[in-house]
Amino acid sequence: MIKLNSQRTQKLPDRINYFWLEDELLVIERHGILIDIEKKLIENGIREELRLAKRPLEHRIIKLFNLETYLQRTIRNLYVDWDFEADKGYMVLMMKKDE
């Protein structure tokens, strides 16, 4: 699902790493996600505008792919950020604790 969302909003990542930091905290690291026009914008110093444009596209993953059903957990928050120079994207999903 992460690959499919990345493909729809950017491009298919070269590699994806998943890190469960604790039961309620998942970090997803994607390598090789930028398309040529994004790379050119970054080269031209248009970083913050690109960050603001990409953020809503990333957040739609929860709704489009019913990620909560896939994870079998309720997502409390989703944070996204990028390391543009390294061509990496990060998603941090915070889930509700099981009661």
PDB file of N, CA and C in Angstrom:
ATOM      1  N   MET A   1       0.817  -1.194   0.000  1.00  0.00           N
ATOM      2  CA  MET A   1       0.000   0.000   0.000  1.00  0.00           C
ATOM      3  C   MET A   1       0.859   1.255   0.000  1.00  0.00           C
ATOM      4  N   ILE A   2       1.942   1.222   0.742  1.00  0.00           N
ATOM      5  CA  ILE A   2       2.828   2.385   0.774  1.00  0.00           C
ATOM      6  C   ILE A   2       3.417   2.605  -0.616  1.00  0.00           C
ATOM      7  N   LYS A   3       3.793   1.529  -1.285  1.00  0.00           N
ATOM      8  CA  LYS A   3       4.338   1.641  -2.639  1.00  0.00           C
ATOM      9  C   LYS A   3       3.303   2.228  -3.588  1.00  0.00           C
ATOM     10  N   LEU A   4       2.064   1.759  -3.501  1.00  0.00           N
ATOM     11  CA  LEU A   4       1.004   2.226  -4.387  1.00  0.00           C
ATOM     12  C   LEU A   4       0.730   3.703  -4.183  1.00  0.00           C
ATOM     13  N   ASN A   5       0.658   4.149  -2.931  1.00  0.00           N
ATOM     14  CA  ASN A   5       0.443   5.569  -2.673  1.00  0.00           C
ATOM     15  C   ASN A   5       1.610   6.387  -3.200  1.00  0.00           C
ATOM     16  N   SER A   6       2.820   5.927  -2.969  1.00  0.00           N
ATOM     17  CA  SER A   6       3.986   6.656  -3.462  1.00  0.00           C
ATOM     18  C   SER A   6       3.966   6.757  -4.975  1.00  0.00           C
ATOM     19  N   GLN A   7       3.564   5.684  -5.622  1.00  0.00           N
ATOM     20  CA  GLN A   7       3.506   5.676  -7.075  1.00  0.00           C
ATOM     21  C   GLN A   7       2.458   6.663  -7.580  1.00  0.00           C
ATOM     22  N   ARG A   8       1.340   6.755  -6.891  1.00  0.00           N
ATOM     23  CA  ARG A   8       0.278   7.680  -7.317  1.00  0.00           C
ATOM     24  C   ARG A   8       0.657   9.131  -7.065  1.00  0.00           C
ATOM     25  N   THR A   9       1.366   9.413  -5.972  1.00  0.00           N
ATOM     26  CA  THR A   9       1.650  10.797  -5.617  1.00  0.00           C
ATOM     27  C   THR A   9       3.034  11.240  -6.045  1.00  0.00           C
ATOM     28  N   GLN A  10       3.940  10.327  -6.265  1.00  0.00           N
ATOM     29  CA  GLN A  10       5.299  10.693  -6.652  1.00  0.00           C
ATOM     30  C   GLN A  10       5.796   9.709  -7.690  1.00  0.00           C
ATOM     31  N   LYS A  11       6.523   8.715  -7.228  1.00  0.00           N
ATOM     32  CA  LYS A  11       6.963   7.617  -8.087  1.00  0.00           C
ATOM     33  C   LYS A  11       7.204   6.420  -7.180  1.00  0.00           C
ATOM     34  N   LEU A  12       7.295   5.271  -7.767  1.00  0.00           N
ATOM     35  CA  LEU A  12       7.542   4.063  -6.994  1.00  0.00           C
ATOM     36  C   LEU A  12       8.923   4.166  -6.350  1.00  0.00           C
ATOM     37  N   PRO A  13       9.004   4.027  -5.028  1.00  0.00           N
ATOM     38  CA  PRO A  13      10.309   4.128  -4.359  1.00  0.00           C
ATOM     39  C   PRO A  13      11.240   3.000  -4.777  1.00  0.00           C
ATOM     40  N   ASP A  14      12.527   3.302  -4.748  1.00  0.00           N
ATOM     41  CA  ASP A  14      13.525   2.276  -5.022  1.00  0.00           C
ATOM     42  C   ASP A  14      13.575   1.256  -3.891  1.00  0.00           C
ATOM     43  N   ARG A  15      13.374   1.738  -2.666  1.00  0.00           N
ATOM     44  CA  ARG A  15      13.434   0.862  -1.490  1.00  0.00           C
ATOM     45  C   ARG A  15      12.596   1.461  -0.368  1.00  0.00           C
ATOM     46  N   ILE A  16      11.977   0.594   0.430  1.00  0.00           N
ATOM     47  CA  ILE A  16      11.187   1.025   1.587  1.00  0.00           C
ATOM     48  C   ILE A  16      11.653   0.249   2.807  1.00  0.00           C
ATOM     49  N   ASN A  17      11.878   0.961   3.905  1.00  0.00           N
ATOM     50  CA  ASN A  17      12.229   0.341   5.187  1.00  0.00           C
ATOM     51  C   ASN A  17      11.146   0.679   6.200  1.00  0.00           C
ATOM     52  N   TYR A  18      10.786  -0.295   7.016  1.00  0.00           N
ATOM     53  CA  TYR A  18       9.782  -0.122   8.060  1.00  0.00           C
ATOM     54  C   TYR A  18      10.463  -0.312   9.410  1.00  0.00           C
ATOM     55  N   PHE A  19      10.219   0.599  10.327  1.00  0.00           N
ATOM     56  CA  PHE A  19      10.808   0.519  11.662  1.00  0.00           C
ATOM     57  C   PHE A  19       9.711   0.679  12.707  1.00  0.00           C
ATOM     58  N   TRP A  20       9.408  -0.381  13.429  1.00  0.00           N
ATOM     59  CA  TRP A  20       8.485  -0.281  14.560  1.00  0.00           C
ATOM     60  C   TRP A  20       9.319   0.158  15.765  1.00  0.00           C
ATOM     61  N   LEU A  21       9.165   1.404  16.181  1.00  0.00           N
ATOM     62  CA  LEU A  21       9.937   1.914  17.317  1.00  0.00           C
ATOM     63  C   LEU A  21       9.332   1.483  18.638  1.00  0.00           C
ATOM     64  N   GLU A  22       8.039   1.294  18.626  1.00  0.00           N
ATOM     65  CA  GLU A  22       7.308   0.704  19.740  1.00  0.00           C
ATOM     66  C   GLU A  22       5.974   0.250  19.181  1.00  0.00           C
ATOM     67  N   ASP A  23       5.149  -0.339  20.003  1.00  0.00           N
ATOM     68  CA  ASP A  23       3.885  -0.904  19.520  1.00  0.00           C
ATOM     69  C   ASP A  23       2.990   0.114  18.813  1.00  0.00           C
ATOM     70  N   GLU A  24       3.075   1.356  19.195  1.00  0.00           N
ATOM     71  CA  GLU A  24       2.187   2.385  18.644  1.00  0.00           C
ATOM     72  C   GLU A  24       2.896   3.350  17.701  1.00  0.00           C
ATOM     73  N   LEU A  25       4.135   3.078  17.340  1.00  0.00           N
ATOM     74  CA  LEU A  25       4.905   4.040  16.551  1.00  0.00           C
ATOM     75  C   LEU A  25       5.640   3.334  15.403  1.00  0.00           C
ATOM     76  N   LEU A  26       5.245   3.665  14.176  1.00  0.00           N
ATOM     77  CA  LEU A  26       5.845   3.083  12.982  1.00  0.00           C
ATOM     78  C   LEU A  26       6.489   4.191  12.149  1.00  0.00           C
ATOM     79  N   VAL A  27       7.748   3.993  11.769  1.00  0.00           N
ATOM     80  CA  VAL A  27       8.449   4.918  10.879  1.00  0.00           C
ATOM     81  C   VAL A  27       8.674   4.195   9.558  1.00  0.00           C
ATOM     82  N   ILE A  28       8.300   4.862   8.482  1.00  0.00           N
ATOM     83  CA  ILE A  28       8.487   4.310   7.144  1.00  0.00           C
ATOM     84  C   ILE A  28       9.454   5.226   6.407  1.00  0.00           C
ATOM     85  N   GLU A  29      10.545   4.644   5.921  1.00  0.00           N
ATOM     86  CA  GLU A  29      11.571   5.385   5.203  1.00  0.00           C
ATOM     87  C   GLU A  29      11.562   4.907   3.754  1.00  0.00           C
ATOM     88  N   ARG A  30      11.394   5.857   2.824  1.00  0.00           N
ATOM     89  CA  ARG A  30      11.355   5.515   1.406  1.00  0.00           C
ATOM     90  C   ARG A  30      12.544   6.163   0.696  1.00  0.00           C
ATOM     91  N   HIS A  31      13.252   5.389  -0.092  1.00  0.00           N
ATOM     92  CA  HIS A  31      14.415   5.870  -0.831  1.00  0.00           C
ATOM     93  C   HIS A  31      14.068   5.977  -2.309  1.00  0.00           C
ATOM     94  N   GLY A  32      14.594   7.016  -2.958  1.00  0.00           N
ATOM     95  CA  GLY A  32      14.397   7.157  -4.401  1.00  0.00           C
ATOM     96  C   GLY A  32      12.972   7.502  -4.777  1.00  0.00           C
ATOM     97  N   ILE A  33      12.448   8.594  -4.228  1.00  0.00           N
ATOM     98  CA  ILE A  33      11.041   8.939  -4.438  1.00  0.00           C
ATOM     99  C   ILE A  33      10.817  10.163  -5.320  1.00  0.00           C
ATOM    100  N   LEU A  34      11.862  10.928  -5.567  1.00  0.00           N
ATOM    101  CA  LEU A  34      11.693  12.201  -6.275  1.00  0.00           C
ATOM    102  C   LEU A  34      11.709  12.027  -7.788  1.00  0.00           C
ATOM    103  N   ILE A  35      10.823  12.772  -8.451  1.00  0.00           N
ATOM    104  CA  ILE A  35      10.820  12.791  -9.913  1.00  0.00           C
ATOM    105  C   ILE A  35      11.698  13.952 -10.375  1.00  0.00           C
ATOM    106  N   ASP A  36      12.006  13.976 -11.655  1.00  0.00           N
ATOM    107  CA  ASP A  36      12.959  14.966 -12.179  1.00  0.00           C
ATOM    108  C   ASP A  36      12.553  16.412 -11.900  1.00  0.00           C
ATOM    109  N   ILE A  37      11.276  16.732 -12.049  1.00  0.00           N
ATOM    110  CA  ILE A  37      10.859  18.118 -11.829  1.00  0.00           C
ATOM    111  C   ILE A  37      11.034  18.525 -10.360  1.00  0.00           C
ATOM    112  N   GLU A  38      10.800  17.583  -9.443  1.00  0.00           N
ATOM    113  CA  GLU A  38      11.024  17.873  -8.020  1.00  0.00           C
ATOM    114  C   GLU A  38      12.506  18.112  -7.754  1.00  0.00           C
ATOM    115  N   LYS A  39      13.346  17.311  -8.370  1.00  0.00           N
ATOM    116  CA  LYS A  39      14.794  17.489  -8.206  1.00  0.00           C
ATOM    117  C   LYS A  39      15.233  18.852  -8.710  1.00  0.00           C
ATOM    118  N   LYS A  40      14.652  19.298  -9.824  1.00  0.00           N
ATOM    119  CA  LYS A  40      14.995  20.610 -10.381  1.00  0.00           C
ATOM    120  C   LYS A  40      14.504  21.733  -9.469  1.00  0.00           C
ATOM    121  N   LEU A  41      13.299  21.584  -8.916  1.00  0.00           N
ATOM    122  CA  LEU A  41      12.793  22.586  -7.973  1.00  0.00           C
ATOM    123  C   LEU A  41      13.706  22.690  -6.757  1.00  0.00           C
ATOM    124  N   ILE A  42      14.151  21.557  -6.242  1.00  0.00           N
ATOM    125  CA  ILE A  42      15.061  21.536  -5.097  1.00  0.00           C
ATOM    126  C   ILE A  42      16.371  22.224  -5.459  1.00  0.00           C
ATOM    127  N   GLU A  43      16.875  21.906  -6.634  1.00  0.00           N
ATOM    128  CA  GLU A  43      18.111  22.535  -7.121  1.00  0.00           C
ATOM    129  C   GLU A  43      17.961  24.048  -7.206  1.00  0.00           C
ATOM    130  N   ASN A  44      16.755  24.506  -7.537  1.00  0.00           N
ATOM    131  CA  ASN A  44      16.481  25.944  -7.656  1.00  0.00           C
ATOM    132  C   ASN A  44      16.074  26.587  -6.327  1.00  0.00           C
ATOM    133  N   GLY A  45      16.140  25.814  -5.239  1.00  0.00           N
ATOM    134  CA  GLY A  45      15.871  26.383  -3.920  1.00  0.00           C
ATOM    135  C   GLY A  45      14.404  26.432  -3.538  1.00  0.00           C
ATOM    136  N   ILE A  46      13.550  25.709  -4.230  1.00  0.00           N
ATOM    137  CA  ILE A  46      12.112  25.716  -3.962  1.00  0.00           C
ATOM    138  C   ILE A  46      11.779  24.553  -3.027  1.00  0.00           C
ATOM    139  N   ARG A  47      12.397  24.491  -1.882  1.00  0.00           N
ATOM    140  CA  ARG A  47      12.223  23.360  -0.960  1.00  0.00           C
ATOM    141  C   ARG A  47      10.938  23.460  -0.139  1.00  0.00           C
ATOM    142  N   GLU A  48      10.738  24.584   0.482  1.00  0.00           N
ATOM    143  CA  GLU A  48       9.600  24.703   1.402  1.00  0.00           C
ATOM    144  C   GLU A  48       8.273  24.628   0.657  1.00  0.00           C
ATOM    145  N   GLU A  49       8.199  25.233  -0.516  1.00  0.00           N
ATOM    146  CA  GLU A  49       6.987  25.166  -1.316  1.00  0.00           C
ATOM    147  C   GLU A  49       6.706  23.725  -1.749  1.00  0.00           C
ATOM    148  N   LEU A  50       7.748  23.007  -2.105  1.00  0.00           N
ATOM    149  CA  LEU A  50       7.592  21.607  -2.489  1.00  0.00           C
ATOM    150  C   LEU A  50       7.114  20.781  -1.296  1.00  0.00           C
ATOM    151  N   ARG A  51       7.693  21.038  -0.151  1.00  0.00           N
ATOM    152  CA  ARG A  51       7.292  20.344   1.083  1.00  0.00           C
ATOM    153  C   ARG A  51       5.804  20.582   1.373  1.00  0.00           C
ATOM    154  N   LEU A  52       5.361  21.814   1.242  1.00  0.00           N
ATOM    155  CA  LEU A  52       3.957  22.161   1.495  1.00  0.00           C
ATOM    156  C   LEU A  52       3.025  21.523   0.462  1.00  0.00           C
ATOM    157  N   ALA A  53       3.470  21.407  -0.774  1.00  0.00           N
ATOM    158  CA  ALA A  53       2.644  20.800  -1.827  1.00  0.00           C
ATOM    159  C   ALA A  53       2.549  19.284  -1.665  1.00  0.00           C
ATOM    160  N   LYS A  54       3.615  18.646  -1.212  1.00  0.00           N
ATOM    161  CA  LYS A  54       3.643  17.191  -1.109  1.00  0.00           C
ATOM    162  C   LYS A  54       2.914  16.671   0.131  1.00  0.00           C
ATOM    163  N   ARG A  55       2.902  17.447   1.188  1.00  0.00           N
ATOM    164  CA  ARG A  55       2.354  16.966   2.464  1.00  0.00           C
ATOM    165  C   ARG A  55       0.911  16.471   2.355  1.00  0.00           C
ATOM    166  N   PRO A  56      -0.027  17.229   1.755  1.00  0.00           N
ATOM    167  CA  PRO A  56      -1.413  16.727   1.663  1.00  0.00           C
ATOM    168  C   PRO A  56      -1.536  15.453   0.827  1.00  0.00           C
ATOM    169  N   LEU A  57      -0.684  15.312  -0.180  1.00  0.00           N
ATOM    170  CA  LEU A  57      -0.708  14.093  -0.995  1.00  0.00           C
ATOM    171  C   LEU A  57      -0.338  12.880  -0.166  1.00  0.00           C
ATOM    172  N   GLU A  58       0.616  13.041   0.720  1.00  0.00           N
ATOM    173  CA  GLU A  58       1.035  11.944   1.585  1.00  0.00           C
ATOM    174  C   GLU A  58      -0.039  11.600   2.616  1.00  0.00           C
ATOM    175  N   HIS A  59      -0.713  12.612   3.133  1.00  0.00           N
ATOM    176  CA  HIS A  59      -1.722  12.376   4.169  1.00  0.00           C
ATOM    177  C   HIS A  59      -2.936  11.616   3.647  1.00  0.00           C
ATOM    178  N   ARG A  60      -3.166  11.679   2.372  1.00  0.00           N
ATOM    179  CA  ARG A  60      -4.348  10.986   1.843  1.00  0.00           C
ATOM    180  C   ARG A  60      -4.202   9.469   1.866  1.00  0.00           C
ATOM    181  N   ILE A  61      -3.017   8.968   2.161  1.00  0.00           N
ATOM    182  CA  ILE A  61      -2.814   7.516   2.215  1.00  0.00           C
ATOM    183  C   ILE A  61      -3.756   6.851   3.210  1.00  0.00           C
ATOM    184  N   ILE A  62      -4.027   7.504   4.319  1.00  0.00           N
ATOM    185  CA  ILE A  62      -4.896   6.908   5.344  1.00  0.00           C
ATOM    186  C   ILE A  62      -6.285   6.661   4.775  1.00  0.00           C
ATOM    187  N   LYS A  63      -6.812   7.631   4.040  1.00  0.00           N
ATOM    188  CA  LYS A  63      -8.164   7.503   3.501  1.00  0.00           C
ATOM    189  C   LYS A  63      -8.208   6.615   2.257  1.00  0.00           C
ATOM    190  N   LEU A  64      -7.284   6.825   1.333  1.00  0.00           N
ATOM    191  CA  LEU A  64      -7.317   6.102   0.063  1.00  0.00           C
ATOM    192  C   LEU A  64      -7.133   4.601   0.204  1.00  0.00           C
ATOM    193  N   PHE A  65      -6.291   4.199   1.120  1.00  0.00           N
ATOM    194  CA  PHE A  65      -5.926   2.790   1.193  1.00  0.00           C
ATOM    195  C   PHE A  65      -6.392   2.112   2.465  1.00  0.00           C
ATOM    196  N   ASN A  66      -7.251   2.795   3.215  1.00  0.00           N
ATOM    197  CA  ASN A  66      -7.782   2.212   4.444  1.00  0.00           C
ATOM    198  C   ASN A  66      -6.652   1.572   5.257  1.00  0.00           C
ATOM    199  N   LEU A  67      -5.643   2.368   5.488  1.00  0.00           N
ATOM    200  CA  LEU A  67      -4.427   1.898   6.144  1.00  0.00           C
ATOM    201  C   LEU A  67      -4.692   1.338   7.536  1.00  0.00           C
ATOM    202  N   GLU A  68      -5.688   1.861   8.207  1.00  0.00           N
ATOM    203  CA  GLU A  68      -6.002   1.377   9.554  1.00  0.00           C
ATOM    204  C   GLU A  68      -6.439  -0.086   9.534  1.00  0.00           C
ATOM    205  N   THR A  69      -7.184  -0.482   8.523  1.00  0.00           N
ATOM    206  CA  THR A  69      -7.594  -1.879   8.402  1.00  0.00           C
ATOM    207  C   THR A  69      -6.379  -2.757   8.132  1.00  0.00           C
ATOM    208  N   TYR A  70      -5.508  -2.293   7.272  1.00  0.00           N
ATOM    209  CA  TYR A  70      -4.301  -3.040   6.939  1.00  0.00           C
ATOM    210  C   TYR A  70      -3.409  -3.231   8.170  1.00  0.00           C
ATOM    211  N   LEU A  71      -3.250  -2.179   8.958  1.00  0.00           N
ATOM    212  CA  LEU A  71      -2.415  -2.254  10.167  1.00  0.00           C
ATOM    213  C   LEU A  71      -3.152  -2.861  11.355  1.00  0.00           C
ATOM    214  N   GLN A  72      -4.464  -2.951  11.239  1.00  0.00           N
ATOM    215  CA  GLN A  72      -5.333  -3.413  12.328  1.00  0.00           C
ATOM    216  C   GLN A  72      -5.145  -2.557  13.579  1.00  0.00           C
ATOM    217  N   ARG A  73      -5.033  -1.257  13.340  1.00  0.00           N
ATOM    218  CA  ARG A  73      -4.859  -0.275  14.413  1.00  0.00           C
ATOM    219  C   ARG A  73      -5.465   1.047  13.965  1.00  0.00           C
ATOM    220  N   THR A  74      -5.863   1.842  14.932  1.00  0.00           N
ATOM    221  CA  THR A  74      -6.371   3.177  14.646  1.00  0.00           C
ATOM    222  C   THR A  74      -5.201   4.149  14.621  1.00  0.00           C
ATOM    223  N   ILE A  75      -5.091   4.905  13.534  1.00  0.00           N
ATOM    224  CA  ILE A  75      -4.006   5.872  13.416  1.00  0.00           C
ATOM    225  C   ILE A  75      -4.432   7.174  14.077  1.00  0.00           C
ATOM    226  N   ARG A  76      -3.635   7.606  15.021  1.00  0.00           N
ATOM    227  CA  ARG A  76      -3.906   8.842  15.752  1.00  0.00           C
ATOM    228  C   ARG A  76      -3.338  10.039  15.005  1.00  0.00           C
ATOM    229  N   ASN A  77      -2.116   9.920  14.508  1.00  0.00           N
ATOM    230  CA  ASN A  77      -1.454  11.000  13.775  1.00  0.00           C
ATOM    231  C   ASN A  77      -0.535  10.432  12.713  1.00  0.00           C
ATOM    232  N   LEU A  78      -0.377  11.197  11.651  1.00  0.00           N
ATOM    233  CA  LEU A  78       0.575  10.869  10.600  1.00  0.00           C
ATOM    234  C   LEU A  78       1.420  12.109  10.354  1.00  0.00           C
ATOM    235  N   TYR A  79       2.733  11.935  10.413  1.00  0.00           N
ATOM    236  CA  TYR A  79       3.671  13.016  10.133  1.00  0.00           C
ATOM    237  C   TYR A  79       4.511  12.609   8.928  1.00  0.00           C
ATOM    238  N   VAL A  80       4.785  13.563   8.054  1.00  0.00           N
ATOM    239  CA  VAL A  80       5.609  13.281   6.886  1.00  0.00           C
ATOM    240  C   VAL A  80       6.685  14.356   6.757  1.00  0.00           C
ATOM    241  N   ASP A  81       7.835  13.949   6.253  1.00  0.00           N
ATOM    242  CA  ASP A  81       8.914  14.892   5.972  1.00  0.00           C
ATOM    243  C   ASP A  81       9.859  14.243   4.973  1.00  0.00           C
ATOM    244  N   TRP A  82      10.764  15.038   4.454  1.00  0.00           N
ATOM    245  CA  TRP A  82      11.666  14.575   3.403  1.00  0.00           C
ATOM    246  C   TRP A  82      13.074  15.055   3.666  1.00  0.00           C
ATOM    247  N   ASP A  83      14.019  14.254   3.221  1.00  0.00           N
ATOM    248  CA  ASP A  83      15.411  14.659   3.113  1.00  0.00           C
ATOM    249  C   ASP A  83      15.649  14.749   1.613  1.00  0.00           C
ATOM    250  N   PHE A  84      15.419  15.942   1.069  1.00  0.00           N
ATOM    251  CA  PHE A  84      15.448  16.100  -0.383  1.00  0.00           C
ATOM    252  C   PHE A  84      16.826  15.801  -0.978  1.00  0.00           C
ATOM    253  N   GLU A  85      17.886  16.201  -0.292  1.00  0.00           N
ATOM    254  CA  GLU A  85      19.226  15.972  -0.820  1.00  0.00           C
ATOM    255  C   GLU A  85      19.531  14.477  -0.940  1.00  0.00           C
ATOM    256  N   ALA A  86      19.031  13.678  -0.001  1.00  0.00           N
ATOM    257  CA  ALA A  86      19.271  12.231  -0.018  1.00  0.00           C
ATOM    258  C   ALA A  86      18.180  11.479  -0.780  1.00  0.00           C
ATOM    259  N   ASP A  87      17.172  12.202  -1.303  1.00  0.00           N
ATOM    260  CA  ASP A  87      16.057  11.594  -2.037  1.00  0.00           C
ATOM    261  C   ASP A  87      15.348  10.536  -1.179  1.00  0.00           C
ATOM    262  N   LYS A  88      14.990  10.967   0.044  1.00  0.00           N
ATOM    263  CA  LYS A  88      14.286  10.090   0.979  1.00  0.00           C
ATOM    264  C   LYS A  88      13.036  10.783   1.495  1.00  0.00           C
ATOM    265  N   GLY A  89      12.026   9.977   1.777  1.00  0.00           N
ATOM    266  CA  GLY A  89      10.813  10.472   2.415  1.00  0.00           C
ATOM    267  C   GLY A  89      10.547   9.659   3.664  1.00  0.00           C
ATOM    268  N   TYR A  90       9.982  10.312   4.670  1.00  0.00           N
ATOM    269  CA  TYR A  90       9.696   9.653   5.935  1.00  0.00           C
ATOM    270  C   TYR A  90       8.230   9.839   6.298  1.00  0.00           C
ATOM    271  N   MET A  91       7.628   8.778   6.800  1.00  0.00           N
ATOM    272  CA  MET A  91       6.282   8.832   7.353  1.00  0.00           C
ATOM    273  C   MET A  91       6.370   8.274   8.767  1.00  0.00           C
ATOM    274  N   VAL A  92       5.774   8.986   9.696  1.00  0.00           N
ATOM    275  CA  VAL A  92       5.713   8.512  11.080  1.00  0.00           C
ATOM    276  C   VAL A  92       4.238   8.361  11.422  1.00  0.00           C
ATOM    277  N   LEU A  93       3.841   7.135  11.738  1.00  0.00           N
ATOM    278  CA  LEU A  93       2.452   6.851  12.090  1.00  0.00           C
ATOM    279  C   LEU A  93       2.371   6.565  13.575  1.00  0.00           C
ATOM    280  N   MET A  94       1.528   7.332  14.257  1.00  0.00           N
ATOM    281  CA  MET A  94       1.276   7.111  15.675  1.00  0.00           C
ATOM    282  C   MET A  94      -0.096   6.488  15.813  1.00  0.00           C
ATOM    283  N   MET A  95      -0.134   5.307  16.421  1.00  0.00           N
ATOM    284  CA  MET A  95      -1.385   4.587  16.591  1.00  0.00           C
ATOM    285  C   MET A  95      -1.914   4.745  17.999  1.00  0.00           C
ATOM    286  N   LYS A  96      -3.220   4.549  18.132  1.00  0.00           N
ATOM    287  CA  LYS A  96      -3.822   4.529  19.464  1.00  0.00           C
ATOM    288  C   LYS A  96      -3.402   3.250  20.161  1.00  0.00           C
ATOM    289  N   LYS A  97      -3.224   3.336  21.459  1.00  0.00           N
ATOM    290  CA  LYS A  97      -2.889   2.144  22.245  1.00  0.00           C
ATOM    291  C   LYS A  97      -4.070   1.210  22.315  1.00  0.00           C
ATOM    292  N   ASP A  98      -3.777  -0.083  22.270  1.00  0.00           N
ATOM    293  CA  ASP A  98      -4.828  -1.068  22.458  1.00  0.00           C
ATOM    294  C   ASP A  98      -5.329  -0.987  23.886  1.00  0.00           C
ATOM    295  N   GLU A  99      -6.628  -1.054  24.029  1.00  0.00           N
ATOM    296  CA  GLU A  99      -7.185  -0.958  25.393  1.00  0.00           C
ATOM    297  C   GLU A  99      -7.738  -2.275  25.851  1.00  0.00           C
TER     298      GLU A  99
END
